[in-house]
Amino acid sequence: MSLAAPGTAAAAETCGYWNDATYAYYSHCGPDRVLIDVDVAWGRDFTKCVEPNSKNNIGLWPRTTNAWYVGPC
């Protein structure tokens, strides 16, 4: 997994959590739907199913601090 440094735009091929200094994203590069956990500072963490080969806006950065693969949906 490749992670972008905080405050930098991620390359199109980045998989996993990244941010563009305004929003947090999770890009899923696999062929199946997966469940991710999203870590939210000053709020409630949540889980979300993401589609194959998708870029998902998961909240504002730096409030949304991380996201990771949990398993299949």
N, C-alpha and C. Protein backbone atom coordinates (compact mmCIF):
# COMPACT_ATOMS: atom_id res chain seq x y z
N MET A 1 0.84 -1.17 0.00
CA MET A 1 0.00 0.00 0.00
C MET A 1 0.89 1.23 0.00
N SER A 2 0.48 2.22 -0.74
CA SER A 2 1.21 3.48 -0.81
C SER A 2 0.39 4.58 -0.16
N LEU A 3 1.02 5.35 0.68
CA LEU A 3 0.31 6.45 1.35
C LEU A 3 0.91 7.77 0.94
N ALA A 4 0.06 8.75 0.69
CA ALA A 4 0.53 10.10 0.38
C ALA A 4 0.88 10.81 1.68
N ALA A 5 1.87 11.64 1.62
CA ALA A 5 2.21 12.45 2.79
C ALA A 5 1.09 13.43 3.08
N PRO A 6 0.84 13.71 4.36
CA PRO A 6 -0.22 14.67 4.68
C PRO A 6 -0.01 15.99 3.95
N GLY A 7 -1.10 16.50 3.39
CA GLY A 7 -1.04 17.78 2.71
C GLY A 7 -0.57 17.71 1.27
N THR A 8 -0.44 16.49 0.72
CA THR A 8 -0.03 16.37 -0.67
C THR A 8 -1.07 15.58 -1.45
N ALA A 9 -1.22 15.94 -2.70
CA ALA A 9 -2.14 15.19 -3.56
C ALA A 9 -1.51 13.85 -3.90
N ALA A 10 -2.32 12.83 -3.90
CA ALA A 10 -1.83 11.49 -4.19
C ALA A 10 -1.85 11.22 -5.68
N ALA A 11 -0.98 10.36 -6.10
CA ALA A 11 -0.94 9.96 -7.51
C ALA A 11 -2.17 9.11 -7.81
N ALA A 12 -2.58 9.06 -9.06
CA ALA A 12 -3.78 8.34 -9.46
C ALA A 12 -3.71 6.86 -9.10
N GLU A 13 -2.52 6.27 -9.06
CA GLU A 13 -2.40 4.85 -8.79
C GLU A 13 -2.31 4.51 -7.30
N THR A 14 -2.42 5.50 -6.42
CA THR A 14 -2.35 5.26 -4.99
C THR A 14 -3.54 4.42 -4.53
N CYS A 15 -3.25 3.38 -3.76
CA CYS A 15 -4.29 2.54 -3.18
C CYS A 15 -4.29 2.75 -1.67
N GLY A 16 -5.48 2.72 -1.06
CA GLY A 16 -5.59 2.91 0.38
C GLY A 16 -5.95 4.34 0.73
N TYR A 17 -5.63 4.71 1.96
CA TYR A 17 -5.96 6.03 2.49
C TYR A 17 -5.00 7.08 1.96
N TRP A 18 -5.53 8.27 1.63
CA TRP A 18 -4.72 9.43 1.26
C TRP A 18 -5.56 10.69 1.39
N ASN A 19 -4.92 11.84 1.33
CA ASN A 19 -5.66 13.11 1.41
C ASN A 19 -5.05 14.12 0.46
N ASP A 20 -5.85 15.15 0.16
CA ASP A 20 -5.38 16.23 -0.71
C ASP A 20 -5.31 17.56 0.03
N ALA A 21 -5.18 17.49 1.36
CA ALA A 21 -5.10 18.64 2.27
C ALA A 21 -6.46 19.32 2.48
N THR A 22 -7.51 18.80 1.89
CA THR A 22 -8.87 19.27 2.13
C THR A 22 -9.79 18.09 2.47
N TYR A 23 -9.72 17.05 1.66
CA TYR A 23 -10.55 15.86 1.84
C TYR A 23 -9.69 14.63 2.04
N ALA A 24 -10.27 13.62 2.71
CA ALA A 24 -9.64 12.32 2.87
C ALA A 24 -10.31 11.35 1.91
N TYR A 25 -9.51 10.43 1.36
CA TYR A 25 -10.00 9.46 0.38
C TYR A 25 -9.51 8.07 0.73
N TYR A 26 -10.26 7.08 0.24
CA TYR A 26 -9.79 5.70 0.25
C TYR A 26 -9.95 5.19 -1.17
N SER A 27 -8.85 4.84 -1.80
CA SER A 27 -8.89 4.28 -3.15
C SER A 27 -8.72 2.77 -3.05
N HIS A 28 -9.69 2.06 -3.58
CA HIS A 28 -9.65 0.60 -3.55
C HIS A 28 -9.25 0.10 -4.93
N CYS A 29 -8.14 -0.60 -5.00
CA CYS A 29 -7.59 -1.04 -6.28
C CYS A 29 -7.91 -2.50 -6.61
N GLY A 30 -8.62 -3.18 -5.74
CA GLY A 30 -8.91 -4.59 -5.96
C GLY A 30 -10.14 -4.83 -6.81
N PRO A 31 -10.38 -6.12 -7.17
CA PRO A 31 -11.48 -6.48 -8.06
C PRO A 31 -12.82 -6.74 -7.37
N ASP A 32 -12.86 -6.73 -6.02
CA ASP A 32 -14.09 -7.05 -5.28
C ASP A 32 -14.48 -5.92 -4.34
N ARG A 33 -15.75 -5.91 -3.96
CA ARG A 33 -16.21 -4.95 -2.93
C ARG A 33 -15.56 -5.32 -1.61
N VAL A 34 -15.13 -4.30 -0.84
CA VAL A 34 -14.53 -4.55 0.46
C VAL A 34 -15.08 -3.60 1.51
N LEU A 35 -14.97 -4.01 2.76
CA LEU A 35 -15.37 -3.20 3.90
C LEU A 35 -14.13 -2.51 4.45
N ILE A 36 -14.26 -1.20 4.72
CA ILE A 36 -13.15 -0.45 5.32
C ILE A 36 -13.63 0.16 6.64
N ASP A 37 -12.70 0.30 7.57
CA ASP A 37 -12.92 1.07 8.79
C ASP A 37 -12.36 2.45 8.56
N VAL A 38 -13.09 3.48 8.99
CA VAL A 38 -12.66 4.86 8.84
C VAL A 38 -12.51 5.47 10.24
N ASP A 39 -11.35 6.02 10.51
CA ASP A 39 -11.03 6.62 11.80
C ASP A 39 -11.29 8.12 11.74
N VAL A 40 -12.19 8.60 12.60
CA VAL A 40 -12.58 10.00 12.60
C VAL A 40 -12.22 10.63 13.95
N ALA A 41 -11.39 11.66 13.91
CA ALA A 41 -11.08 12.42 15.12
C ALA A 41 -12.27 13.33 15.41
N TRP A 42 -12.58 13.57 16.65
CA TRP A 42 -13.69 14.44 17.05
C TRP A 42 -15.02 13.97 16.49
N GLY A 43 -15.18 12.66 16.36
CA GLY A 43 -16.44 12.14 15.85
C GLY A 43 -16.48 10.63 15.94
N ARG A 44 -17.53 10.07 15.41
CA ARG A 44 -17.74 8.62 15.45
C ARG A 44 -17.06 7.94 14.26
N ASP A 45 -16.25 6.92 14.55
CA ASP A 45 -15.65 6.11 13.49
C ASP A 45 -16.77 5.36 12.77
N PHE A 46 -16.52 4.92 11.53
CA PHE A 46 -17.54 4.19 10.80
C PHE A 46 -16.92 3.18 9.86
N THR A 47 -17.76 2.26 9.38
CA THR A 47 -17.35 1.30 8.37
C THR A 47 -18.13 1.60 7.10
N LYS A 48 -17.55 1.19 5.98
CA LYS A 48 -18.17 1.49 4.69
C LYS A 48 -17.76 0.42 3.69
N CYS A 49 -18.69 -0.01 2.85
CA CYS A 49 -18.36 -0.89 1.72
C CYS A 49 -17.93 -0.01 0.55
N VAL A 50 -16.85 -0.39 -0.10
CA VAL A 50 -16.39 0.36 -1.26
C VAL A 50 -16.36 -0.56 -2.48
N GLU A 51 -16.62 0.02 -3.62
CA GLU A 51 -16.70 -0.72 -4.88
C GLU A 51 -15.30 -1.02 -5.42
N PRO A 52 -15.20 -2.02 -6.29
CA PRO A 52 -13.91 -2.34 -6.90
C PRO A 52 -13.36 -1.16 -7.70
N ASN A 53 -12.05 -1.00 -7.68
CA ASN A 53 -11.37 0.02 -8.49
C ASN A 53 -12.02 1.40 -8.36
N SER A 54 -12.21 1.84 -7.11
CA SER A 54 -12.93 3.10 -6.88
C SER A 54 -12.14 4.06 -6.01
N LYS A 55 -12.43 5.35 -6.18
CA LYS A 55 -11.89 6.42 -5.33
C LYS A 55 -13.06 6.93 -4.50
N ASN A 56 -12.93 6.90 -3.17
CA ASN A 56 -14.04 7.22 -2.28
C ASN A 56 -13.69 8.38 -1.36
N ASN A 57 -14.48 9.46 -1.44
CA ASN A 57 -14.33 10.57 -0.50
C ASN A 57 -14.92 10.09 0.82
N ILE A 58 -14.10 10.07 1.88
CA ILE A 58 -14.56 9.55 3.17
C ILE A 58 -14.67 10.62 4.24
N GLY A 59 -14.47 11.89 3.86
CA GLY A 59 -14.65 12.96 4.82
C GLY A 59 -13.62 14.07 4.67
N LEU A 60 -13.71 15.02 5.57
CA LEU A 60 -12.77 16.14 5.57
C LEU A 60 -11.46 15.74 6.23
N TRP A 61 -10.36 16.24 5.71
CA TRP A 61 -9.05 16.07 6.32
C TRP A 61 -8.72 17.38 7.02
N PRO A 62 -8.20 17.43 8.21
CA PRO A 62 -7.61 16.34 8.99
C PRO A 62 -8.57 15.64 9.94
N ARG A 63 -9.86 15.92 9.87
CA ARG A 63 -10.80 15.24 10.77
C ARG A 63 -10.82 13.73 10.52
N THR A 64 -10.79 13.32 9.27
CA THR A 64 -10.74 11.90 8.93
C THR A 64 -9.27 11.51 8.85
N THR A 65 -8.82 10.71 9.82
CA THR A 65 -7.38 10.51 10.00
C THR A 65 -6.80 9.25 9.38
N ASN A 66 -7.64 8.25 9.09
CA ASN A 66 -7.11 7.02 8.51
C ASN A 66 -8.27 6.13 8.06
N ALA A 67 -7.96 5.17 7.22
CA ALA A 67 -8.93 4.16 6.79
C ALA A 67 -8.15 2.93 6.37
N TRP A 68 -8.74 1.75 6.58
CA TRP A 68 -8.03 0.52 6.24
C TRP A 68 -9.02 -0.59 5.92
N TYR A 69 -8.52 -1.57 5.19
CA TYR A 69 -9.27 -2.75 4.77
C TYR A 69 -9.63 -3.60 5.98
N VAL A 70 -10.89 -4.07 6.03
CA VAL A 70 -11.34 -4.97 7.10
C VAL A 70 -11.60 -6.36 6.55
N GLY A 71 -12.28 -6.45 5.41
CA GLY A 71 -12.63 -7.73 4.81
C GLY A 71 -13.64 -7.52 3.69
N PRO A 72 -14.16 -8.61 3.18
CA PRO A 72 -15.16 -8.47 2.10
C PRO A 72 -16.49 -7.94 2.65
N CYS A 73 -17.26 -7.31 1.77
CA CYS A 73 -18.60 -6.81 2.17
C CYS A 73 -19.59 -7.96 2.20
